[in-house]
């Protein structure tokens, strides 16, 4: 059924269920970690489609904000982009703001996605700095936020080209 369906219909409900179970009981964190590890392992094995000749496409950069350790949704997005044949670079959890900014300047991506699961003090600063980097890039670089941690950040979200609400929406948007 594909990566998006497997993530949205199977992995996410299982992970959320285990998370709720842990919140209710403060037990079974090892089951949640094992499930996360298993999902991550499967996502990293999603193959790309057969290579097709064509022009080089600028990649999409996927980064977590500096305090964010929850990167499994970013791994799901990376696997979905790989499955769709879209170039991407994953910077992973706890990416320092300056590393994201340097990456934008170095590789000139066509888009940057900033993932935030739980809000923190540096989120707005990261968004502002990344927005500046995308504006000064030699070619147009879109900036998107993703994840529930961006709720409540107010006017800062206007710096982004949009907020990606689901994996399916993310793949559609980044494919365009």
N, C-alpha and C. Protein backbone atom coordinates (compact mmCIF):
# COMPACT_ATOMS: atom_id res chain seq x y z
N UNK A 1 0.81 -1.22 0.00
CA UNK A 1 0.00 0.00 0.00
C UNK A 1 0.85 1.27 0.00
N UNK A 2 2.14 1.15 0.23
CA UNK A 2 3.02 2.30 0.18
C UNK A 2 3.34 2.84 1.57
N UNK A 3 4.35 3.67 1.60
CA UNK A 3 4.85 4.21 2.85
C UNK A 3 3.85 5.11 3.55
N UNK A 4 3.20 5.98 2.79
CA UNK A 4 2.24 6.91 3.41
C UNK A 4 1.13 6.14 4.11
N UNK A 5 0.54 5.18 3.43
CA UNK A 5 -0.55 4.39 4.02
C UNK A 5 -0.05 3.59 5.23
N UNK A 6 1.13 2.97 5.11
CA UNK A 6 1.67 2.19 6.22
C UNK A 6 1.91 3.08 7.44
N UNK A 7 2.40 4.30 7.20
CA UNK A 7 2.65 5.23 8.31
C UNK A 7 1.34 5.70 8.93
N UNK A 8 0.43 6.22 8.08
CA UNK A 8 -0.78 6.85 8.61
C UNK A 8 -1.80 5.86 9.14
N UNK A 9 -1.87 4.66 8.55
CA UNK A 9 -2.90 3.70 8.95
C UNK A 9 -2.42 2.63 9.93
N UNK A 10 -1.10 2.44 10.03
CA UNK A 10 -0.59 1.38 10.89
C UNK A 10 0.38 1.92 11.96
N UNK A 11 1.49 2.49 11.51
CA UNK A 11 2.54 2.90 12.46
C UNK A 11 2.08 4.00 13.41
N UNK A 12 1.50 5.07 12.87
CA UNK A 12 1.08 6.18 13.74
C UNK A 12 0.07 5.75 14.80
N UNK A 13 -0.99 5.03 14.43
CA UNK A 13 -1.93 4.61 15.49
C UNK A 13 -1.27 3.72 16.56
N UNK A 14 -0.37 2.83 16.13
CA UNK A 14 0.33 2.00 17.11
C UNK A 14 1.21 2.83 18.03
N UNK A 15 1.97 3.75 17.44
CA UNK A 15 2.86 4.59 18.24
C UNK A 15 2.08 5.49 19.19
N UNK A 16 1.00 6.10 18.70
CA UNK A 16 0.19 6.94 19.58
C UNK A 16 -0.44 6.12 20.70
N UNK A 17 -0.90 4.91 20.35
CA UNK A 17 -1.49 4.04 21.37
C UNK A 17 -0.49 3.67 22.46
N UNK A 18 0.74 3.36 22.03
CA UNK A 18 1.77 3.03 23.02
C UNK A 18 2.14 4.27 23.85
N UNK A 19 2.17 5.43 23.22
CA UNK A 19 2.46 6.67 23.95
C UNK A 19 1.40 6.97 24.99
N UNK A 20 0.14 6.77 24.62
CA UNK A 20 -0.95 6.97 25.59
C UNK A 20 -0.86 5.97 26.73
N UNK A 21 -0.51 4.73 26.39
CA UNK A 21 -0.39 3.68 27.42
C UNK A 21 0.70 4.07 28.42
N UNK A 22 1.83 4.58 27.91
CA UNK A 22 2.91 4.99 28.79
C UNK A 22 2.46 6.16 29.66
N UNK A 23 1.76 7.16 29.06
CA UNK A 23 1.29 8.31 29.85
C UNK A 23 0.35 7.88 30.96
N UNK A 24 -0.50 6.90 30.66
CA UNK A 24 -1.47 6.44 31.66
C UNK A 24 -0.84 5.62 32.77
N UNK A 25 0.17 4.82 32.44
CA UNK A 25 0.69 3.84 33.40
C UNK A 25 2.14 4.08 33.81
N UNK A 26 2.87 4.88 33.02
CA UNK A 26 4.32 5.07 33.21
C UNK A 26 5.04 3.73 33.13
N UNK A 27 4.47 2.82 32.35
CA UNK A 27 5.06 1.50 32.12
C UNK A 27 5.11 1.25 30.62
N UNK A 28 5.86 0.27 30.23
CA UNK A 28 5.97 -0.21 28.85
C UNK A 28 6.72 0.73 27.92
N UNK A 29 7.56 1.60 28.46
CA UNK A 29 8.34 2.47 27.59
C UNK A 29 9.26 1.64 26.70
N UNK A 30 9.69 0.47 27.20
CA UNK A 30 10.55 -0.39 26.39
C UNK A 30 9.81 -0.91 25.16
N UNK A 31 8.51 -1.12 25.26
CA UNK A 31 7.72 -1.57 24.12
C UNK A 31 7.61 -0.43 23.10
N UNK A 32 7.39 0.77 23.59
CA UNK A 32 7.34 1.93 22.69
C UNK A 32 8.67 2.13 21.98
N UNK A 33 9.77 1.99 22.70
CA UNK A 33 11.10 2.15 22.08
C UNK A 33 11.37 1.05 21.06
N UNK A 34 11.01 -0.18 21.38
CA UNK A 34 11.19 -1.29 20.44
C UNK A 34 10.34 -1.08 19.19
N UNK A 35 9.11 -0.65 19.37
CA UNK A 35 8.24 -0.36 18.23
C UNK A 35 8.82 0.76 17.38
N UNK A 36 9.30 1.83 18.00
CA UNK A 36 9.91 2.94 17.27
C UNK A 36 11.13 2.47 16.49
N UNK A 37 11.98 1.68 17.12
CA UNK A 37 13.18 1.16 16.46
C UNK A 37 12.78 0.30 15.25
N UNK A 38 11.78 -0.54 15.42
CA UNK A 38 11.33 -1.41 14.33
C UNK A 38 10.79 -0.60 13.16
N UNK A 39 9.97 0.39 13.46
CA UNK A 39 9.41 1.25 12.41
C UNK A 39 10.54 2.00 11.70
N UNK A 40 11.48 2.55 12.46
CA UNK A 40 12.61 3.27 11.88
C UNK A 40 13.41 2.35 10.96
N UNK A 41 13.66 1.13 11.39
CA UNK A 41 14.42 0.18 10.58
C UNK A 41 13.73 -0.12 9.26
N UNK A 42 12.43 -0.29 9.30
CA UNK A 42 11.67 -0.55 8.08
C UNK A 42 11.67 0.67 7.17
N UNK A 43 11.49 1.87 7.73
CA UNK A 43 11.46 3.08 6.93
C UNK A 43 12.78 3.30 6.18
N UNK A 44 13.88 2.98 6.82
CA UNK A 44 15.18 3.19 6.18
C UNK A 44 15.44 2.19 5.05
N UNK A 45 14.64 1.14 4.98
CA UNK A 45 14.81 0.15 3.90
C UNK A 45 13.87 0.39 2.72
N UNK A 46 13.06 1.43 2.77
CA UNK A 46 12.16 1.71 1.64
C UNK A 46 13.02 2.05 0.43
N UNK A 47 12.86 1.30 -0.66
CA UNK A 47 13.72 1.53 -1.83
C UNK A 47 13.21 2.70 -2.69
N UNK A 48 14.13 3.33 -3.40
CA UNK A 48 13.71 4.34 -4.37
C UNK A 48 13.17 3.66 -5.62
N UNK A 49 12.44 4.39 -6.45
CA UNK A 49 12.00 3.79 -7.71
C UNK A 49 13.21 3.63 -8.64
N UNK A 50 13.05 2.88 -9.73
CA UNK A 50 14.16 2.77 -10.68
C UNK A 50 14.58 4.16 -11.17
N UNK A 51 15.88 4.34 -11.32
CA UNK A 51 16.40 5.65 -11.75
C UNK A 51 15.92 5.97 -13.16
N UNK A 52 15.55 7.23 -13.36
CA UNK A 52 15.14 7.71 -14.68
C UNK A 52 16.07 8.86 -15.05
N UNK A 53 16.53 8.85 -16.30
CA UNK A 53 17.37 9.97 -16.70
C UNK A 53 16.56 11.26 -16.71
N UNK A 54 17.20 12.33 -16.36
CA UNK A 54 16.52 13.62 -16.34
C UNK A 54 17.40 14.64 -15.66
N UNK A 55 16.91 15.86 -15.57
CA UNK A 55 17.71 16.91 -14.93
C UNK A 55 17.85 16.65 -13.43
N UNK A 56 18.95 17.12 -12.88
CA UNK A 56 19.19 17.01 -11.45
C UNK A 56 18.18 17.90 -10.72
N UNK A 57 17.53 17.34 -9.72
CA UNK A 57 16.54 18.08 -8.95
C UNK A 57 17.16 18.46 -7.61
N UNK A 58 17.00 19.71 -7.24
CA UNK A 58 17.50 20.16 -5.93
C UNK A 58 16.76 19.40 -4.83
N UNK A 59 17.48 19.02 -3.78
CA UNK A 59 16.85 18.22 -2.72
C UNK A 59 15.98 19.04 -1.78
N UNK A 60 15.22 18.33 -1.00
CA UNK A 60 14.45 18.89 0.11
C UNK A 60 15.26 18.59 1.37
N UNK A 61 15.43 19.57 2.25
CA UNK A 61 16.13 19.37 3.52
C UNK A 61 15.10 19.16 4.62
N UNK A 62 15.28 18.10 5.38
CA UNK A 62 14.40 17.76 6.50
C UNK A 62 15.20 17.90 7.78
N UNK A 63 14.77 18.79 8.66
CA UNK A 63 15.51 19.04 9.91
C UNK A 63 14.55 19.17 11.08
N UNK A 64 14.99 18.69 12.21
CA UNK A 64 14.27 18.93 13.46
C UNK A 64 14.80 20.22 14.07
N UNK A 65 13.96 20.90 14.85
CA UNK A 65 14.43 22.08 15.58
C UNK A 65 15.42 21.61 16.65
N UNK A 66 16.22 22.53 17.21
CA UNK A 66 17.32 22.13 18.09
C UNK A 66 16.97 21.24 19.29
N UNK A 67 15.82 21.42 19.91
CA UNK A 67 15.50 20.62 21.10
C UNK A 67 14.75 19.33 20.77
N UNK A 68 14.43 19.12 19.49
CA UNK A 68 13.52 18.04 19.11
C UNK A 68 14.22 16.70 18.92
N UNK A 69 13.89 15.75 19.79
CA UNK A 69 14.46 14.41 19.69
C UNK A 69 13.53 13.43 18.98
N UNK A 70 12.25 13.79 18.82
CA UNK A 70 11.29 12.92 18.14
C UNK A 70 11.43 13.09 16.63
N UNK A 71 12.14 12.20 16.00
CA UNK A 71 12.40 12.36 14.56
C UNK A 71 11.76 11.29 13.70
N UNK A 72 11.01 10.39 14.28
CA UNK A 72 10.40 9.31 13.50
C UNK A 72 9.49 9.84 12.38
N UNK A 73 8.69 10.89 12.60
CA UNK A 73 7.90 11.43 11.49
C UNK A 73 8.79 11.97 10.35
N UNK A 74 9.96 12.49 10.68
CA UNK A 74 10.89 12.95 9.65
C UNK A 74 11.41 11.75 8.86
N UNK A 75 11.67 10.64 9.54
CA UNK A 75 12.10 9.42 8.86
C UNK A 75 11.00 8.91 7.94
N UNK A 76 9.74 9.02 8.37
CA UNK A 76 8.62 8.61 7.52
C UNK A 76 8.53 9.50 6.28
N UNK A 77 8.73 10.80 6.46
CA UNK A 77 8.72 11.71 5.32
C UNK A 77 9.87 11.40 4.38
N UNK A 78 11.05 11.15 4.92
CA UNK A 78 12.21 10.81 4.08
C UNK A 78 11.94 9.54 3.27
N UNK A 79 11.38 8.53 3.91
CA UNK A 79 11.08 7.28 3.21
C UNK A 79 10.03 7.51 2.12
N UNK A 80 9.04 8.33 2.41
CA UNK A 80 7.99 8.63 1.42
C UNK A 80 8.56 9.41 0.24
N UNK A 81 9.46 10.35 0.51
CA UNK A 81 10.09 11.10 -0.58
C UNK A 81 10.99 10.18 -1.41
N UNK A 82 11.73 9.30 -0.74
CA UNK A 82 12.57 8.33 -1.45
C UNK A 82 11.71 7.45 -2.34
N UNK A 83 10.61 6.96 -1.81
CA UNK A 83 9.70 6.10 -2.56
C UNK A 83 9.15 6.83 -3.79
N UNK A 84 8.95 8.15 -3.66
CA UNK A 84 8.44 8.96 -4.76
C UNK A 84 9.56 9.40 -5.71
N UNK A 85 10.81 9.06 -5.39
CA UNK A 85 11.93 9.42 -6.24
C UNK A 85 12.37 10.86 -6.09
N UNK A 86 12.08 11.48 -4.93
CA UNK A 86 12.43 12.88 -4.70
C UNK A 86 13.70 12.99 -3.84
N UNK A 87 14.64 13.76 -4.32
CA UNK A 87 15.91 13.94 -3.60
C UNK A 87 15.66 14.66 -2.28
N UNK A 88 16.36 14.22 -1.26
CA UNK A 88 16.21 14.84 0.07
C UNK A 88 17.47 14.60 0.89
N UNK A 89 17.64 15.41 1.91
CA UNK A 89 18.72 15.26 2.88
C UNK A 89 18.10 15.37 4.26
N UNK A 90 18.43 14.43 5.14
CA UNK A 90 17.88 14.42 6.49
C UNK A 90 18.96 14.86 7.46
N UNK A 91 18.70 15.94 8.20
CA UNK A 91 19.64 16.41 9.20
C UNK A 91 19.36 15.79 10.56
N UNK A 92 18.15 15.29 10.76
CA UNK A 92 17.85 14.51 11.95
C UNK A 92 17.47 15.29 13.19
N UNK A 93 17.43 14.57 14.33
CA UNK A 93 16.98 15.18 15.58
C UNK A 93 17.99 16.20 16.11
N UNK A 94 17.47 17.13 16.88
CA UNK A 94 18.31 18.12 17.59
C UNK A 94 19.28 18.84 16.67
N UNK A 95 18.82 19.26 15.51
CA UNK A 95 19.69 19.95 14.56
C UNK A 95 19.88 21.39 15.01
N UNK A 96 21.12 21.82 15.26
CA UNK A 96 21.35 23.21 15.64
C UNK A 96 20.91 24.15 14.52
N UNK A 97 20.39 25.30 14.90
CA UNK A 97 19.91 26.27 13.92
C UNK A 97 20.98 26.62 12.91
N UNK A 98 22.20 26.88 13.38
CA UNK A 98 23.26 27.28 12.45
C UNK A 98 23.59 26.16 11.46
N UNK A 99 23.41 24.91 11.84
CA UNK A 99 23.64 23.80 10.91
C UNK A 99 22.59 23.80 9.80
N UNK A 100 21.34 24.06 10.16
CA UNK A 100 20.29 24.14 9.14
C UNK A 100 20.57 25.30 8.20
N UNK A 101 20.92 26.45 8.75
CA UNK A 101 21.20 27.64 7.95
C UNK A 101 22.38 27.39 7.01
N UNK A 102 23.46 26.78 7.52
CA UNK A 102 24.62 26.48 6.67
C UNK A 102 24.26 25.50 5.56
N UNK A 103 23.41 24.53 5.87
CA UNK A 103 23.00 23.56 4.87
C UNK A 103 22.25 24.24 3.74
N UNK A 104 21.36 25.16 4.08
CA UNK A 104 20.62 25.90 3.04
C UNK A 104 21.60 26.64 2.14
N UNK A 105 22.59 27.31 2.72
CA UNK A 105 23.57 28.03 1.92
C UNK A 105 24.47 27.12 1.11
N UNK A 106 24.77 25.96 1.65
CA UNK A 106 25.71 25.04 0.99
C UNK A 106 25.08 24.29 -0.17
N UNK A 107 23.88 23.76 0.01
CA UNK A 107 23.32 22.89 -1.04
C UNK A 107 22.19 23.53 -1.83
N UNK A 108 21.69 24.67 -1.40
CA UNK A 108 20.62 25.33 -2.16
C UNK A 108 19.41 24.44 -2.41
N UNK A 109 18.78 23.94 -1.34
CA UNK A 109 17.64 23.04 -1.53
C UNK A 109 16.45 23.76 -2.16
N UNK A 110 15.54 22.97 -2.72
CA UNK A 110 14.31 23.59 -3.24
C UNK A 110 13.29 23.83 -2.14
N UNK A 111 13.47 23.11 -1.01
CA UNK A 111 12.58 23.31 0.14
C UNK A 111 13.28 22.86 1.41
N UNK A 112 12.83 23.44 2.52
CA UNK A 112 13.29 23.05 3.86
C UNK A 112 12.03 22.77 4.68
N UNK A 113 12.04 21.65 5.41
CA UNK A 113 10.95 21.31 6.32
C UNK A 113 11.54 21.30 7.72
N UNK A 114 10.97 22.13 8.62
CA UNK A 114 11.39 22.17 10.03
C UNK A 114 10.36 21.43 10.86
N UNK A 115 10.78 20.29 11.45
CA UNK A 115 9.89 19.47 12.27
C UNK A 115 10.00 19.87 13.73
N UNK A 116 8.83 20.01 14.37
CA UNK A 116 8.78 20.32 15.80
C UNK A 116 7.61 19.57 16.41
N UNK A 117 7.92 18.61 17.27
CA UNK A 117 6.86 17.83 17.93
C UNK A 117 6.39 18.50 19.21
N UNK A 118 7.34 19.00 19.98
CA UNK A 118 7.02 19.68 21.24
C UNK A 118 7.64 21.07 21.20
N UNK A 119 6.85 22.08 21.50
CA UNK A 119 7.34 23.45 21.38
C UNK A 119 8.43 23.74 22.39
N UNK A 120 9.32 24.65 21.98
CA UNK A 120 10.41 25.07 22.83
C UNK A 120 10.74 26.53 22.57
N UNK A 121 11.60 27.07 23.38
CA UNK A 121 11.93 28.49 23.29
C UNK A 121 12.62 28.87 21.97
N UNK A 122 13.42 27.97 21.41
CA UNK A 122 14.21 28.30 20.24
C UNK A 122 13.46 28.16 18.92
N UNK A 123 12.25 27.65 18.94
CA UNK A 123 11.54 27.37 17.69
C UNK A 123 11.42 28.60 16.81
N UNK A 124 10.96 29.72 17.37
CA UNK A 124 10.79 30.93 16.58
C UNK A 124 12.12 31.44 16.06
N UNK A 125 13.16 31.38 16.88
CA UNK A 125 14.49 31.80 16.44
C UNK A 125 14.96 30.94 15.27
N UNK A 126 14.73 29.64 15.35
CA UNK A 126 15.13 28.74 14.27
C UNK A 126 14.36 29.06 13.00
N UNK A 127 13.07 29.30 13.14
CA UNK A 127 12.24 29.63 11.98
C UNK A 127 12.71 30.94 11.34
N UNK A 128 12.97 31.95 12.15
CA UNK A 128 13.42 33.25 11.63
C UNK A 128 14.76 33.10 10.91
N UNK A 129 15.72 32.43 11.52
CA UNK A 129 17.04 32.27 10.92
C UNK A 129 16.97 31.46 9.63
N UNK A 130 16.16 30.42 9.62
CA UNK A 130 16.02 29.59 8.41
C UNK A 130 15.30 30.37 7.33
N UNK A 131 14.30 31.16 7.69
CA UNK A 131 13.60 31.99 6.70
C UNK A 131 14.56 32.97 6.05
N UNK A 132 15.43 33.59 6.85
CA UNK A 132 16.44 34.51 6.29
C UNK A 132 17.34 33.78 5.30
N UNK A 133 17.75 32.57 5.66
CA UNK A 133 18.64 31.79 4.79
C UNK A 133 17.95 31.43 3.49
N UNK A 134 16.65 31.08 3.55
CA UNK A 134 15.95 30.71 2.32
C UNK A 134 15.74 31.92 1.41
N UNK A 135 15.50 33.07 2.00
CA UNK A 135 15.30 34.29 1.21
C UNK A 135 16.60 34.70 0.52
N UNK A 136 17.74 34.51 1.18
CA UNK A 136 19.00 34.92 0.59
C UNK A 136 19.64 33.83 -0.27
N UNK A 137 19.00 32.68 -0.41
CA UNK A 137 19.53 31.60 -1.24
C UNK A 137 19.53 32.04 -2.71
N UNK A 138 20.48 31.52 -3.50
CA UNK A 138 20.57 31.92 -4.91
C UNK A 138 19.33 31.56 -5.73
N UNK A 139 18.67 30.47 -5.37
CA UNK A 139 17.43 30.08 -6.05
C UNK A 139 16.32 29.99 -5.01
N UNK A 140 15.10 30.12 -5.47
CA UNK A 140 13.93 30.07 -4.58
C UNK A 140 13.95 28.80 -3.75
N UNK A 141 13.88 28.97 -2.43
CA UNK A 141 13.82 27.85 -1.50
C UNK A 141 12.58 28.03 -0.64
N UNK A 142 11.66 27.07 -0.75
CA UNK A 142 10.44 27.12 0.05
C UNK A 142 10.76 26.67 1.48
N UNK A 143 10.00 27.19 2.44
CA UNK A 143 10.17 26.83 3.84
C UNK A 143 8.84 26.38 4.41
N UNK A 144 8.83 25.19 4.99
CA UNK A 144 7.62 24.64 5.58
C UNK A 144 7.87 24.24 7.03
N UNK A 145 6.86 24.38 7.84
CA UNK A 145 6.89 23.84 9.18
C UNK A 145 6.07 22.55 9.17
N UNK A 146 6.36 21.67 10.12
CA UNK A 146 5.61 20.42 10.25
C UNK A 146 5.66 20.01 11.71
N UNK A 147 4.59 19.39 12.15
CA UNK A 147 4.53 18.89 13.52
C UNK A 147 3.68 19.74 14.43
N UNK A 148 3.15 19.13 15.50
CA UNK A 148 2.25 19.82 16.42
C UNK A 148 2.92 20.87 17.29
N UNK A 149 4.23 20.86 17.39
CA UNK A 149 4.93 21.81 18.24
C UNK A 149 4.87 23.25 17.75
N UNK A 150 4.44 23.44 16.50
CA UNK A 150 4.36 24.81 15.96
C UNK A 150 3.08 25.51 16.39
N UNK A 151 2.13 24.78 16.97
CA UNK A 151 0.91 25.44 17.46
C UNK A 151 1.28 26.47 18.51
N UNK A 152 0.68 27.62 18.41
CA UNK A 152 0.91 28.63 19.41
C UNK A 152 2.13 29.50 19.17
N UNK A 153 2.79 29.33 18.02
CA UNK A 153 3.95 30.19 17.75
C UNK A 153 3.52 31.48 17.05
N UNK A 154 2.24 31.62 16.77
CA UNK A 154 1.67 32.88 16.30
C UNK A 154 2.19 33.39 14.98
N UNK A 155 2.52 34.69 14.97
CA UNK A 155 2.89 35.38 13.75
C UNK A 155 4.13 34.82 13.08
N UNK A 156 4.99 34.16 13.82
CA UNK A 156 6.22 33.63 13.24
C UNK A 156 5.94 32.65 12.11
N UNK A 157 4.81 31.94 12.18
CA UNK A 157 4.49 30.97 11.14
C UNK A 157 4.29 31.63 9.78
N UNK A 158 4.01 32.92 9.76
CA UNK A 158 3.86 33.62 8.48
C UNK A 158 5.17 33.66 7.69
N UNK A 159 6.29 33.42 8.36
CA UNK A 159 7.58 33.37 7.68
C UNK A 159 7.70 32.15 6.78
N UNK A 160 6.93 31.12 7.07
CA UNK A 160 6.97 29.88 6.28
C UNK A 160 6.00 29.96 5.12
N UNK A 161 6.26 29.14 4.11
CA UNK A 161 5.36 29.05 2.96
C UNK A 161 4.12 28.23 3.26
N UNK A 162 4.15 27.52 4.39
CA UNK A 162 2.99 26.74 4.80
C UNK A 162 3.35 25.77 5.90
N UNK A 163 2.31 25.16 6.46
CA UNK A 163 2.48 24.14 7.49
C UNK A 163 1.99 22.82 6.91
N UNK A 164 2.81 21.79 7.01
CA UNK A 164 2.46 20.47 6.48
C UNK A 164 1.78 19.67 7.58
N UNK A 165 0.52 19.33 7.34
CA UNK A 165 -0.28 18.72 8.40
C UNK A 165 -0.26 17.21 8.47
N UNK A 166 -0.01 16.53 7.38
CA UNK A 166 0.01 15.07 7.37
C UNK A 166 1.11 14.61 6.43
N UNK A 167 1.42 13.34 6.51
CA UNK A 167 2.45 12.80 5.62
C UNK A 167 1.98 12.86 4.17
N UNK A 168 0.73 12.50 3.92
CA UNK A 168 0.21 12.55 2.55
C UNK A 168 0.27 13.98 2.00
N UNK A 169 -0.14 14.95 2.80
CA UNK A 169 -0.08 16.35 2.38
C UNK A 169 1.35 16.79 2.13
N UNK A 170 2.26 16.36 2.98
CA UNK A 170 3.68 16.72 2.84
C UNK A 170 4.25 16.22 1.52
N UNK A 171 3.97 14.97 1.19
CA UNK A 171 4.48 14.40 -0.06
C UNK A 171 3.87 15.12 -1.26
N UNK A 172 2.58 15.39 -1.22
CA UNK A 172 1.93 16.11 -2.33
C UNK A 172 2.56 17.49 -2.50
N UNK A 173 2.71 18.21 -1.40
CA UNK A 173 3.25 19.57 -1.47
C UNK A 173 4.69 19.57 -1.97
N UNK A 174 5.51 18.70 -1.43
CA UNK A 174 6.93 18.68 -1.78
C UNK A 174 7.18 18.08 -3.16
N UNK A 175 6.20 17.36 -3.69
CA UNK A 175 6.32 16.81 -5.05
C UNK A 175 6.00 17.85 -6.10
N UNK A 176 5.29 18.92 -5.72
CA UNK A 176 4.84 19.92 -6.69
C UNK A 176 5.92 20.88 -7.10
